[in-house]
């Protein structure tokens, strides 16, 4: 776990031809608070953004620590939360990411229609 989402996000955004600046909202399923801090610091350096800029669009309704971390359903929870929030705010691009045991991570970019 830990920083797995960092590289997953970079790869997903590269494949979409996007930067983190292009993302309207992001759901980061943090396994623990320090993980979010580490990921956001790494993205800040990589994308030349302040940590505050990233935080403004991340887990706008609270993260897994506040909302829950359902075993085997975390991905579904963050993706559905992201889709509803994009629609509610009339925004376009979302990014969902989570860590996986063993240091891996996954990420997906979505576009609201």
PDB file of N, CA and C in Angstrom:
ATOM      1  N   UNK A   1       0.857  -1.172   0.000  1.00  0.00           N
ATOM      2  CA  UNK A   1       0.000   0.000   0.000  1.00  0.00           C
ATOM      3  C   UNK A   1       0.899   1.230   0.000  1.00  0.00           C
ATOM      4  N   UNK A   2       0.394   2.349   0.386  1.00  0.00           N
ATOM      5  CA  UNK A   2       1.217   3.547   0.451  1.00  0.00           C
ATOM      6  C   UNK A   2       1.157   4.384  -0.801  1.00  0.00           C
ATOM      7  N   UNK A   3       2.277   4.431  -1.532  1.00  0.00           N
ATOM      8  CA  UNK A   3       2.389   5.346  -2.667  1.00  0.00           C
ATOM      9  C   UNK A   3       2.025   4.711  -4.006  1.00  0.00           C
ATOM     10  N   UNK A   4       1.440   3.542  -4.000  1.00  0.00           N
ATOM     11  CA  UNK A   4       1.025   2.893  -5.245  1.00  0.00           C
ATOM     12  C   UNK A   4       0.171   3.769  -6.149  1.00  0.00           C
ATOM     13  N   UNK A   5      -0.760   4.567  -5.599  1.00  0.00           N
ATOM     14  CA  UNK A   5      -1.582   5.420  -6.458  1.00  0.00           C
ATOM     15  C   UNK A   5      -0.807   6.489  -7.225  1.00  0.00           C
ATOM     16  N   UNK A   6       0.382   6.863  -6.743  1.00  0.00           N
ATOM     17  CA  UNK A   6       1.136   7.934  -7.412  1.00  0.00           C
ATOM     18  C   UNK A   6       1.412   7.564  -8.862  1.00  0.00           C
ATOM     19  N   UNK A   7       2.054   6.434  -9.076  1.00  0.00           N
ATOM     20  CA  UNK A   7       2.390   6.024 -10.446  1.00  0.00           C
ATOM     21  C   UNK A   7       1.149   5.631 -11.237  1.00  0.00           C
ATOM     22  N   UNK A   8       0.164   5.062 -10.564  1.00  0.00           N
ATOM     23  CA  UNK A   8      -1.075   4.686 -11.253  1.00  0.00           C
ATOM     24  C   UNK A   8      -1.772   5.916 -11.820  1.00  0.00           C
ATOM     25  N   UNK A   9      -1.818   6.994 -11.048  1.00  0.00           N
ATOM     26  CA  UNK A   9      -2.447   8.239 -11.510  1.00  0.00           C
ATOM     27  C   UNK A   9      -1.659   8.835 -12.665  1.00  0.00           C
ATOM     28  N   UNK A  10      -0.342   8.876 -12.539  1.00  0.00           N
ATOM     29  CA  UNK A  10       0.489   9.435 -13.609  1.00  0.00           C
ATOM     30  C   UNK A  10       0.252   8.669 -14.908  1.00  0.00           C
ATOM     31  N   UNK A  11       0.232   7.349 -14.833  1.00  0.00           N
ATOM     32  CA  UNK A  11       0.023   6.527 -16.033  1.00  0.00           C
ATOM     33  C   UNK A  11      -1.381   6.720 -16.609  1.00  0.00           C
ATOM     34  N   UNK A  12      -2.400   6.722 -15.756  1.00  0.00           N
ATOM     35  CA  UNK A  12      -3.779   6.888 -16.240  1.00  0.00           C
ATOM     36  C   UNK A  12      -3.960   8.242 -16.924  1.00  0.00           C
ATOM     37  N   UNK A  13      -3.412   9.285 -16.322  1.00  0.00           N
ATOM     38  CA  UNK A  13      -3.548  10.616 -16.921  1.00  0.00           C
ATOM     39  C   UNK A  13      -2.754  10.727 -18.217  1.00  0.00           C
ATOM     40  N   UNK A  14      -1.575  10.118 -18.275  1.00  0.00           N
ATOM     41  CA  UNK A  14      -0.800  10.113 -19.523  1.00  0.00           C
ATOM     42  C   UNK A  14      -1.583   9.409 -20.624  1.00  0.00           C
ATOM     43  N   UNK A  15      -2.186   8.266 -20.308  1.00  0.00           N
ATOM     44  CA  UNK A  15      -2.955   7.519 -21.306  1.00  0.00           C
ATOM     45  C   UNK A  15      -4.172   8.306 -21.781  1.00  0.00           C
ATOM     46  N   UNK A  16      -4.709   9.158 -20.917  1.00  0.00           N
ATOM     47  CA  UNK A  16      -5.865   9.987 -21.282  1.00  0.00           C
ATOM     48  C   UNK A  16      -5.440  11.300 -21.935  1.00  0.00           C
ATOM     49  N   UNK A  17      -4.126  11.549 -22.014  1.00  0.00           N
ATOM     50  CA  UNK A  17      -3.634  12.803 -22.583  1.00  0.00           C
ATOM     51  C   UNK A  17      -3.952  13.997 -21.699  1.00  0.00           C
ATOM     52  N   UNK A  18      -3.945  13.773 -20.392  1.00  0.00           N
ATOM     53  CA  UNK A  18      -4.345  14.807 -19.441  1.00  0.00           C
ATOM     54  C   UNK A  18      -3.268  15.029 -18.386  1.00  0.00           C
ATOM     55  N   UNK A  19      -3.448  16.098 -17.640  1.00  0.00           N
ATOM     56  CA  UNK A  19      -2.641  16.411 -16.468  1.00  0.00           C
ATOM     57  C   UNK A  19      -3.579  16.452 -15.264  1.00  0.00           C
ATOM     58  N   UNK A  20      -3.019  16.436 -14.091  1.00  0.00           N
ATOM     59  CA  UNK A  20      -3.853  16.539 -12.892  1.00  0.00           C
ATOM     60  C   UNK A  20      -4.591  17.871 -12.851  1.00  0.00           C
ATOM     61  N   UNK A  21      -4.043  18.888 -13.494  1.00  0.00           N
ATOM     62  CA  UNK A  21      -4.719  20.194 -13.570  1.00  0.00           C
ATOM     63  C   UNK A  21      -6.044  20.101 -14.336  1.00  0.00           C
ATOM     64  N   UNK A  22      -6.152  19.141 -15.247  1.00  0.00           N
ATOM     65  CA  UNK A  22      -7.362  18.986 -16.062  1.00  0.00           C
ATOM     66  C   UNK A  22      -8.495  18.290 -15.311  1.00  0.00           C
ATOM     67  N   UNK A  23      -8.178  17.663 -14.204  1.00  0.00           N
ATOM     68  CA  UNK A  23      -9.155  16.896 -13.429  1.00  0.00           C
ATOM     69  C   UNK A  23      -9.955  17.842 -12.547  1.00  0.00           C
ATOM     70  N   UNK A  24     -11.275  17.704 -12.596  1.00  0.00           N
ATOM     71  CA  UNK A  24     -12.145  18.552 -11.776  1.00  0.00           C
ATOM     72  C   UNK A  24     -12.249  18.046 -10.337  1.00  0.00           C
ATOM     73  N   UNK A  25     -12.420  16.738 -10.175  1.00  0.00           N
ATOM     74  CA  UNK A  25     -12.548  16.134  -8.845  1.00  0.00           C
ATOM     75  C   UNK A  25     -11.776  14.823  -8.798  1.00  0.00           C
ATOM     76  N   UNK A  26     -11.266  14.492  -7.622  1.00  0.00           N
ATOM     77  CA  UNK A  26     -10.530  13.246  -7.447  1.00  0.00           C
ATOM     78  C   UNK A  26     -10.982  12.562  -6.160  1.00  0.00           C
ATOM     79  N   UNK A  27     -11.157  11.261  -6.253  1.00  0.00           N
ATOM     80  CA  UNK A  27     -11.414  10.433  -5.075  1.00  0.00           C
ATOM     81  C   UNK A  27     -10.164   9.595  -4.828  1.00  0.00           C
ATOM     82  N   UNK A  28      -9.532   9.818  -3.697  1.00  0.00           N
ATOM     83  CA  UNK A  28      -8.347   9.076  -3.281  1.00  0.00           C
ATOM     84  C   UNK A  28      -8.744   8.215  -2.093  1.00  0.00           C
ATOM     85  N   UNK A  29      -8.792   6.917  -2.292  1.00  0.00           N
ATOM     86  CA  UNK A  29      -9.182   6.009  -1.215  1.00  0.00           C
ATOM     87  C   UNK A  29      -7.969   5.751  -0.329  1.00  0.00           C
ATOM     88  N   UNK A  30      -7.837   6.556   0.706  1.00  0.00           N
ATOM     89  CA  UNK A  30      -6.667   6.430   1.573  1.00  0.00           C
ATOM     90  C   UNK A  30      -6.835   5.283   2.551  1.00  0.00           C
ATOM     91  N   UNK A  31      -5.820   4.452   2.632  1.00  0.00           N
ATOM     92  CA  UNK A  31      -5.829   3.364   3.608  1.00  0.00           C
ATOM     93  C   UNK A  31      -5.516   3.909   4.998  1.00  0.00           C
ATOM     94  N   UNK A  32      -4.761   4.991   5.036  1.00  0.00           N
ATOM     95  CA  UNK A  32      -4.408   5.668   6.277  1.00  0.00           C
ATOM     96  C   UNK A  32      -4.011   7.098   5.915  1.00  0.00           C
ATOM     97  N   UNK A  33      -4.102   8.021   6.868  1.00  0.00           N
ATOM     98  CA  UNK A  33      -3.930   9.448   6.588  1.00  0.00           C
ATOM     99  C   UNK A  33      -2.574   9.780   5.974  1.00  0.00           C
ATOM    100  N   UNK A  34      -1.513   9.165   6.461  1.00  0.00           N
ATOM    101  CA  UNK A  34      -0.177   9.472   5.941  1.00  0.00           C
ATOM    102  C   UNK A  34      -0.055   9.122   4.463  1.00  0.00           C
ATOM    103  N   UNK A  35      -0.826   8.157   4.018  1.00  0.00           N
ATOM    104  CA  UNK A  35      -0.786   7.781   2.606  1.00  0.00           C
ATOM    105  C   UNK A  35      -1.252   8.937   1.735  1.00  0.00           C
ATOM    106  N   UNK A  36      -2.313   9.603   2.114  1.00  0.00           N
ATOM    107  CA  UNK A  36      -2.815  10.749   1.353  1.00  0.00           C
ATOM    108  C   UNK A  36      -1.774  11.852   1.289  1.00  0.00           C
ATOM    109  N   UNK A  37      -1.149  12.126   2.415  1.00  0.00           N
ATOM    110  CA  UNK A  37      -0.121  13.170   2.466  1.00  0.00           C
ATOM    111  C   UNK A  37       1.008  12.842   1.498  1.00  0.00           C
ATOM    112  N   UNK A  38       1.488  11.609   1.529  1.00  0.00           N
ATOM    113  CA  UNK A  38       2.578  11.198   0.647  1.00  0.00           C
ATOM    114  C   UNK A  38       2.213  11.278  -0.822  1.00  0.00           C
ATOM    115  N   UNK A  39       1.034  10.795  -1.180  1.00  0.00           N
ATOM    116  CA  UNK A  39       0.593  10.832  -2.578  1.00  0.00           C
ATOM    117  C   UNK A  39       0.451  12.268  -3.060  1.00  0.00           C
ATOM    118  N   UNK A  40      -0.190  13.096  -2.273  1.00  0.00           N
ATOM    119  CA  UNK A  40      -0.415  14.485  -2.675  1.00  0.00           C
ATOM    120  C   UNK A  40       0.909  15.221  -2.824  1.00  0.00           C
ATOM    121  N   UNK A  41       1.860  14.964  -1.954  1.00  0.00           N
ATOM    122  CA  UNK A  41       3.187  15.588  -2.090  1.00  0.00           C
ATOM    123  C   UNK A  41       3.860  15.165  -3.387  1.00  0.00           C
ATOM    124  N   UNK A  42       3.795  13.890  -3.710  1.00  0.00           N
ATOM    125  CA  UNK A  42       4.416  13.396  -4.948  1.00  0.00           C
ATOM    126  C   UNK A  42       3.748  14.001  -6.183  1.00  0.00           C
ATOM    127  N   UNK A  43       2.417  14.055  -6.202  1.00  0.00           N
ATOM    128  CA  UNK A  43       1.714  14.650  -7.347  1.00  0.00           C
ATOM    129  C   UNK A  43       2.009  16.139  -7.449  1.00  0.00           C
ATOM    130  N   UNK A  44       2.144  16.801  -6.324  1.00  0.00           N
ATOM    131  CA  UNK A  44       2.454  18.228  -6.308  1.00  0.00           C
ATOM    132  C   UNK A  44       3.768  18.486  -7.038  1.00  0.00           C
ATOM    133  N   UNK A  45       4.772  17.696  -6.741  1.00  0.00           N
ATOM    134  CA  UNK A  45       6.075  17.843  -7.397  1.00  0.00           C
ATOM    135  C   UNK A  45       5.964  17.483  -8.875  1.00  0.00           C
ATOM    136  N   UNK A  46       5.342  16.362  -9.172  1.00  0.00           N
ATOM    137  CA  UNK A  46       5.267  15.879 -10.557  1.00  0.00           C
ATOM    138  C   UNK A  46       4.497  16.835 -11.471  1.00  0.00           C
ATOM    139  N   UNK A  47       3.396  17.375 -10.987  1.00  0.00           N
ATOM    140  CA  UNK A  47       2.531  18.212 -11.822  1.00  0.00           C
ATOM    141  C   UNK A  47       2.745  19.709 -11.613  1.00  0.00           C
ATOM    142  N   UNK A  48       3.663  20.095 -10.734  1.00  0.00           N
ATOM    143  CA  UNK A  48       3.929  21.513 -10.498  1.00  0.00           C
ATOM    144  C   UNK A  48       2.737  22.250  -9.916  1.00  0.00           C
ATOM    145  N   UNK A  49       2.000  21.582  -9.069  1.00  0.00           N
ATOM    146  CA  UNK A  49       0.833  22.169  -8.409  1.00  0.00           C
ATOM    147  C   UNK A  49       1.122  22.279  -6.917  1.00  0.00           C
ATOM    148  N   UNK A  50       0.421  23.177  -6.249  1.00  0.00           N
ATOM    149  CA  UNK A  50       0.552  23.223  -4.798  1.00  0.00           C
ATOM    150  C   UNK A  50      -0.278  22.095  -4.197  1.00  0.00           C
ATOM    151  N   UNK A  51       0.086  21.705  -3.003  1.00  0.00           N
ATOM    152  CA  UNK A  51      -0.697  20.686  -2.314  1.00  0.00           C
ATOM    153  C   UNK A  51      -2.122  21.176  -2.088  1.00  0.00           C
ATOM    154  N   UNK A  52      -2.282  22.463  -1.851  1.00  0.00           N
ATOM    155  CA  UNK A  52      -3.616  23.035  -1.635  1.00  0.00           C
ATOM    156  C   UNK A  52      -4.482  22.904  -2.882  1.00  0.00           C
ATOM    157  N   UNK A  53      -3.893  23.123  -4.066  1.00  0.00           N
ATOM    158  CA  UNK A  53      -4.655  22.979  -5.316  1.00  0.00           C
ATOM    159  C   UNK A  53      -5.181  21.555  -5.462  1.00  0.00           C
ATOM    160  N   UNK A  54      -4.360  20.599  -5.103  1.00  0.00           N
ATOM    161  CA  UNK A  54      -4.769  19.197  -5.206  1.00  0.00           C
ATOM    162  C   UNK A  54      -5.823  18.871  -4.148  1.00  0.00           C
ATOM    163  N   UNK A  55      -5.609  19.351  -2.938  1.00  0.00           N
ATOM    164  CA  UNK A  55      -6.558  19.082  -1.852  1.00  0.00           C
ATOM    165  C   UNK A  55      -7.945  19.653  -2.133  1.00  0.00           C
ATOM    166  N   UNK A  56      -8.021  20.785  -2.822  1.00  0.00           N
ATOM    167  CA  UNK A  56      -9.317  21.415  -3.117  1.00  0.00           C
ATOM    168  C   UNK A  56     -10.221  20.527  -3.961  1.00  0.00           C
ATOM    169  N   UNK A  57      -9.626  19.626  -4.736  1.00  0.00           N
ATOM    170  CA  UNK A  57     -10.427  18.773  -5.616  1.00  0.00           C
ATOM    171  C   UNK A  57     -10.459  17.316  -5.163  1.00  0.00           C
ATOM    172  N   UNK A  58      -9.860  17.022  -4.022  1.00  0.00           N
ATOM    173  CA  UNK A  58      -9.719  15.645  -3.550  1.00  0.00           C
ATOM    174  C   UNK A  58     -10.679  15.334  -2.405  1.00  0.00           C
ATOM    175  N   UNK A  59     -11.411  14.241  -2.545  1.00  0.00           N
ATOM    176  CA  UNK A  59     -12.305  13.754  -1.478  1.00  0.00           C
ATOM    177  C   UNK A  59     -13.156  14.882  -0.905  1.00  0.00           C
ATOM    178  N   UNK A  60     -13.897  15.546  -1.768  1.00  0.00           N
ATOM    179  CA  UNK A  60     -14.644  16.742  -1.362  1.00  0.00           C
ATOM    180  C   UNK A  60     -15.737  16.452  -0.332  1.00  0.00           C
ATOM    181  N   UNK A  61     -16.148  15.205  -0.203  1.00  0.00           N
ATOM    182  CA  UNK A  61     -17.142  14.814   0.809  1.00  0.00           C
ATOM    183  C   UNK A  61     -16.517  14.040   1.960  1.00  0.00           C
ATOM    184  N   UNK A  62     -15.202  13.983   1.999  1.00  0.00           N
ATOM    185  CA  UNK A  62     -14.492  13.178   2.991  1.00  0.00           C
ATOM    186  C   UNK A  62     -13.969  11.915   2.333  1.00  0.00           C
ATOM    187  N   UNK A  63     -12.943  11.352   2.908  1.00  0.00           N
ATOM    188  CA  UNK A  63     -12.333  10.153   2.342  1.00  0.00           C
ATOM    189  C   UNK A  63     -12.757   8.887   3.055  1.00  0.00           C
ATOM    190  N   UNK A  64     -11.996   7.842   2.820  1.00  0.00           N
ATOM    191  CA  UNK A  64     -12.325   6.530   3.385  1.00  0.00           C
ATOM    192  C   UNK A  64     -12.264   6.520   4.906  1.00  0.00           C
ATOM    193  N   UNK A  65     -11.393   7.344   5.468  1.00  0.00           N
ATOM    194  CA  UNK A  65     -11.301   7.390   6.927  1.00  0.00           C
ATOM    195  C   UNK A  65     -12.610   7.922   7.504  1.00  0.00           C
ATOM    196  N   UNK A  66     -13.208   8.901   6.837  1.00  0.00           N
ATOM    197  CA  UNK A  66     -14.461   9.501   7.317  1.00  0.00           C
ATOM    198  C   UNK A  66     -15.698   8.725   6.871  1.00  0.00           C
ATOM    199  N   UNK A  67     -15.700   8.262   5.628  1.00  0.00           N
ATOM    200  CA  UNK A  67     -16.907   7.663   5.043  1.00  0.00           C
ATOM    201  C   UNK A  67     -16.954   6.144   5.121  1.00  0.00           C
ATOM    202  N   UNK A  68     -15.809   5.526   5.246  1.00  0.00           N
ATOM    203  CA  UNK A  68     -15.774   4.074   5.300  1.00  0.00           C
ATOM    204  C   UNK A  68     -14.893   3.489   4.216  1.00  0.00           C
ATOM    205  N   UNK A  69     -14.423   2.305   4.489  1.00  0.00           N
ATOM    206  CA  UNK A  69     -13.480   1.608   3.620  1.00  0.00           C
ATOM    207  C   UNK A  69     -14.001   0.178   3.463  1.00  0.00           C
ATOM    208  N   UNK A  70     -15.091  -0.001   2.689  1.00  0.00           N
ATOM    209  CA  UNK A  70     -15.721  -1.321   2.606  1.00  0.00           C
ATOM    210  C   UNK A  70     -14.827  -2.350   1.915  1.00  0.00           C
ATOM    211  N   UNK A  71     -14.528  -3.416   2.601  1.00  0.00           N
ATOM    212  CA  UNK A  71     -13.680  -4.463   2.055  1.00  0.00           C
ATOM    213  C   UNK A  71     -14.288  -4.985   0.753  1.00  0.00           C
ATOM    214  N   UNK A  72     -13.484  -5.057  -0.276  1.00  0.00           N
ATOM    215  CA  UNK A  72     -13.858  -5.555  -1.604  1.00  0.00           C
ATOM    216  C   UNK A  72     -14.840  -4.656  -2.346  1.00  0.00           C
ATOM    217  N   UNK A  73     -15.156  -3.485  -1.795  1.00  0.00           N
ATOM    218  CA  UNK A  73     -16.076  -2.574  -2.483  1.00  0.00           C
ATOM    219  C   UNK A  73     -15.564  -1.135  -2.497  1.00  0.00           C
ATOM    220  N   UNK A  74     -14.320  -0.920  -2.111  1.00  0.00           N
ATOM    221  CA  UNK A  74     -13.777   0.442  -2.069  1.00  0.00           C
ATOM    222  C   UNK A  74     -13.813   1.102  -3.437  1.00  0.00           C
ATOM    223  N   UNK A  75     -13.435   0.362  -4.465  1.00  0.00           N
ATOM    224  CA  UNK A  75     -13.433   0.922  -5.815  1.00  0.00           C
ATOM    225  C   UNK A  75     -14.817   1.357  -6.249  1.00  0.00           C
ATOM    226  N   UNK A  76     -15.804   0.525  -5.978  1.00  0.00           N
ATOM    227  CA  UNK A  76     -17.183   0.878  -6.326  1.00  0.00           C
ATOM    228  C   UNK A  76     -17.640   2.100  -5.545  1.00  0.00           C
ATOM    229  N   UNK A  77     -17.298   2.167  -4.270  1.00  0.00           N
ATOM    230  CA  UNK A  77     -17.710   3.300  -3.435  1.00  0.00           C
ATOM    231  C   UNK A  77     -17.116   4.606  -3.953  1.00  0.00           C
ATOM    232  N   UNK A  78     -15.821   4.621  -4.252  1.00  0.00           N
ATOM    233  CA  UNK A  78     -15.221   5.888  -4.686  1.00  0.00           C
ATOM    234  C   UNK A  78     -15.673   6.273  -6.092  1.00  0.00           C
ATOM    235  N   UNK A  79     -15.886   5.295  -6.956  1.00  0.00           N
ATOM    236  CA  UNK A  79     -16.314   5.601  -8.317  1.00  0.00           C
ATOM    237  C   UNK A  79     -17.736   6.159  -8.345  1.00  0.00           C
ATOM    238  N   UNK A  80     -18.640   5.551  -7.604  1.00  0.00           N
ATOM    239  CA  UNK A  80     -20.021   6.041  -7.560  1.00  0.00           C
ATOM    240  C   UNK A  80     -20.076   7.416  -6.890  1.00  0.00           C
ATOM    241  N   UNK A  81     -19.321   7.602  -5.817  1.00  0.00           N
ATOM    242  CA  UNK A  81     -19.249   8.915  -5.168  1.00  0.00           C
ATOM    243  C   UNK A  81     -18.769   9.968  -6.158  1.00  0.00           C
ATOM    244  N   UNK A  82     -17.734   9.644  -6.910  1.00  0.00           N
ATOM    245  CA  UNK A  82     -17.173  10.574  -7.892  1.00  0.00           C
ATOM    246  C   UNK A  82     -18.181  10.907  -8.988  1.00  0.00           C
ATOM    247  N   UNK A  83     -18.861   9.906  -9.514  1.00  0.00           N
ATOM    248  CA  UNK A  83     -19.847  10.146 -10.574  1.00  0.00           C
ATOM    249  C   UNK A  83     -20.973  11.053 -10.094  1.00  0.00           C
ATOM    250  N   UNK A  84     -21.475  10.798  -8.914  1.00  0.00           N
ATOM    251  CA  UNK A  84     -22.561  11.626  -8.374  1.00  0.00           C
ATOM    252  C   UNK A  84     -22.106  13.061  -8.128  1.00  0.00           C
ATOM    253  N   UNK A  85     -20.900  13.236  -7.625  1.00  0.00           N
ATOM    254  CA  UNK A  85     -20.407  14.581  -7.322  1.00  0.00           C
ATOM    255  C   UNK A  85     -20.126  15.368  -8.603  1.00  0.00           C
ATOM    256  N   UNK A  86     -19.600  14.714  -9.631  1.00  0.00           N
ATOM    257  CA  UNK A  86     -19.399  15.390 -10.921  1.00  0.00           C
ATOM    258  C   UNK A  86     -20.733  15.875 -11.475  1.00  0.00           C
ATOM    259  N   UNK A  87     -21.743  15.016 -11.428  1.00  0.00           N
ATOM    260  CA  UNK A  87     -23.066  15.381 -11.936  1.00  0.00           C
ATOM    261  C   UNK A  87     -23.666  16.519 -11.120  1.00  0.00           C
ATOM    262  N   UNK A  88     -23.590  16.418  -9.802  1.00  0.00           N
ATOM    263  CA  UNK A  88     -24.157  17.434  -8.914  1.00  0.00           C
ATOM    264  C   UNK A  88     -23.532  18.810  -9.155  1.00  0.00           C
ATOM    265  N   UNK A  89     -22.229  18.836  -9.372  1.00  0.00           N
ATOM    266  CA  UNK A  89     -21.510  20.104  -9.559  1.00  0.00           C
ATOM    267  C   UNK A  89     -21.421  20.531 -11.025  1.00  0.00           C
ATOM    268  N   UNK A  90     -21.978  19.701 -11.919  1.00  0.00           N
ATOM    269  CA  UNK A  90     -21.920  19.969 -13.358  1.00  0.00           C
ATOM    270  C   UNK A  90     -20.472  20.128 -13.835  1.00  0.00           C
ATOM    271  N   UNK A  91     -19.633  19.179 -13.430  1.00  0.00           N
ATOM    272  CA  UNK A  91     -18.225  19.149 -13.814  1.00  0.00           C
ATOM    273  C   UNK A  91     -17.999  18.006 -14.790  1.00  0.00           C
ATOM    274  N   UNK A  92     -16.824  17.961 -15.394  1.00  0.00           N
ATOM    275  CA  UNK A  92     -16.588  17.024 -16.481  1.00  0.00           C
ATOM    276  C   UNK A  92     -15.681  15.848 -16.141  1.00  0.00           C
ATOM    277  N   UNK A  93     -14.473  16.126 -15.654  1.00  0.00           N
ATOM    278  CA  UNK A  93     -13.481  15.058 -15.501  1.00  0.00           C
ATOM    279  C   UNK A  93     -13.246  14.673 -14.045  1.00  0.00           C
ATOM    280  N   UNK A  94     -13.210  13.371 -13.817  1.00  0.00           N
ATOM    281  CA  UNK A  94     -12.946  12.843 -12.489  1.00  0.00           C
ATOM    282  C   UNK A  94     -11.842  11.802 -12.531  1.00  0.00           C
ATOM    283  N   UNK A  95     -11.200  11.629 -11.403  1.00  0.00           N
ATOM    284  CA  UNK A  95     -10.119  10.661 -11.258  1.00  0.00           C
ATOM    285  C   UNK A  95     -10.356   9.890  -9.967  1.00  0.00           C
ATOM    286  N   UNK A  96     -10.394   8.579 -10.064  1.00  0.00           N
ATOM    287  CA  UNK A  96     -10.552   7.729  -8.881  1.00  0.00           C
ATOM    288  C   UNK A  96      -9.306   6.864  -8.752  1.00  0.00           C
ATOM    289  N   UNK A  97      -8.793   6.760  -7.542  1.00  0.00           N
ATOM    290  CA  UNK A  97      -7.586   5.963  -7.335  1.00  0.00           C
ATOM    291  C   UNK A  97      -7.605   5.304  -5.965  1.00  0.00           C
ATOM    292  N   UNK A  98      -6.982   4.149  -5.889  1.00  0.00           N
ATOM    293  CA  UNK A  98      -6.861   3.469  -4.606  1.00  0.00           C
ATOM    294  C   UNK A  98      -5.599   2.630  -4.576  1.00  0.00           C
ATOM    295  N   UNK A  99      -5.158   2.357  -3.373  1.00  0.00           N
ATOM    296  CA  UNK A  99      -3.969   1.524  -3.206  1.00  0.00           C
ATOM    297  C   UNK A  99      -4.399   0.067  -3.085  1.00  0.00           C
ATOM    298  N   UNK A 100      -3.452  -0.795  -3.373  1.00  0.00           N
ATOM    299  CA  UNK A 100      -3.687  -2.230  -3.312  1.00  0.00           C
ATOM    300  C   UNK A 100      -2.546  -2.818  -2.486  1.00  0.00           C
ATOM    301  N   UNK A 101      -2.800  -3.834  -1.717  1.00  0.00           N
ATOM    302  CA  UNK A 101      -1.745  -4.455  -0.926  1.00  0.00           C
ATOM    303  C   UNK A 101      -0.521  -4.790  -1.760  1.00  0.00           C
ATOM    304  N   UNK A 102       0.634  -4.715  -1.149  1.00  0.00           N
ATOM    305  CA  UNK A 102       1.874  -5.038  -1.850  1.00  0.00           C
ATOM    306  C   UNK A 102       2.475  -3.857  -2.581  1.00  0.00           C
ATOM    307  N   UNK A 103       1.985  -2.655  -2.332  1.00  0.00           N
ATOM    308  CA  UNK A 103       2.560  -1.457  -2.941  1.00  0.00           C
ATOM    309  C   UNK A 103       1.978  -1.084  -4.286  1.00  0.00           C
ATOM    310  N   UNK A 104       0.964  -1.786  -4.720  1.00  0.00           N
ATOM    311  CA  UNK A 104       0.359  -1.479  -6.013  1.00  0.00           C
ATOM    312  C   UNK A 104      -0.724  -0.419  -5.861  1.00  0.00           C
ATOM    313  N   UNK A 105      -1.143   0.124  -6.988  1.00  0.00           N
ATOM    314  CA  UNK A 105      -2.224   1.093  -6.994  1.00  0.00           C
ATOM    315  C   UNK A 105      -2.972   0.999  -8.305  1.00  0.00           C
ATOM    316  N   UNK A 106      -4.147   1.570  -8.349  1.00  0.00           N
ATOM    317  CA  UNK A 106      -4.933   1.602  -9.571  1.00  0.00           C
ATOM    318  C   UNK A 106      -5.592   2.965  -9.683  1.00  0.00           C
ATOM    319  N   UNK A 107      -5.876   3.366 -10.907  1.00  0.00           N
ATOM    320  CA  UNK A 107      -6.504   4.668 -11.134  1.00  0.00           C
ATOM    321  C   UNK A 107      -7.325   4.605 -12.412  1.00  0.00           C
ATOM    322  N   UNK A 108      -8.385   5.408 -12.440  1.00  0.00           N
ATOM    323  CA  UNK A 108      -9.225   5.499 -13.628  1.00  0.00           C
ATOM    324  C   UNK A 108      -9.660   6.950 -13.798  1.00  0.00           C
ATOM    325  N   UNK A 109      -9.658   7.401 -15.050  1.00  0.00           N
ATOM    326  CA  UNK A 109     -10.142   8.734 -15.397  1.00  0.00           C
ATOM    327  C   UNK A 109     -11.530   8.558 -15.992  1.00  0.00           C
ATOM    328  N   UNK A 110     -12.486   9.368 -15.542  1.00  0.00           N
ATOM    329  CA  UNK A 110     -13.836   9.288 -16.093  1.00  0.00           C
ATOM    330  C   UNK A 110     -14.274  10.650 -16.607  1.00  0.00           C
ATOM    331  N   UNK A 111     -15.188  10.618 -17.558  1.00  0.00           N
ATOM    332  CA  UNK A 111     -15.762  11.841 -18.117  1.00  0.00           C
ATOM    333  C   UNK A 111     -17.268  11.783 -17.934  1.00  0.00           C
ATOM    334  N   UNK A 112     -17.808  12.819 -17.330  1.00  0.00           N
ATOM    335  CA  UNK A 112     -19.249  12.904 -17.116  1.00  0.00           C
ATOM    336  C   UNK A 112     -19.915  13.368 -18.402  1.00  0.00           C
ATOM    337  N   UNK A 113     -21.032  12.763 -18.737  1.00  0.00           N
ATOM    338  CA  UNK A 113     -21.754  13.130 -19.967  1.00  0.00           C
ATOM    339  C   UNK A 113     -22.935  14.010 -19.650  1.00  0.00           C
TER     340      UNK A 113
END
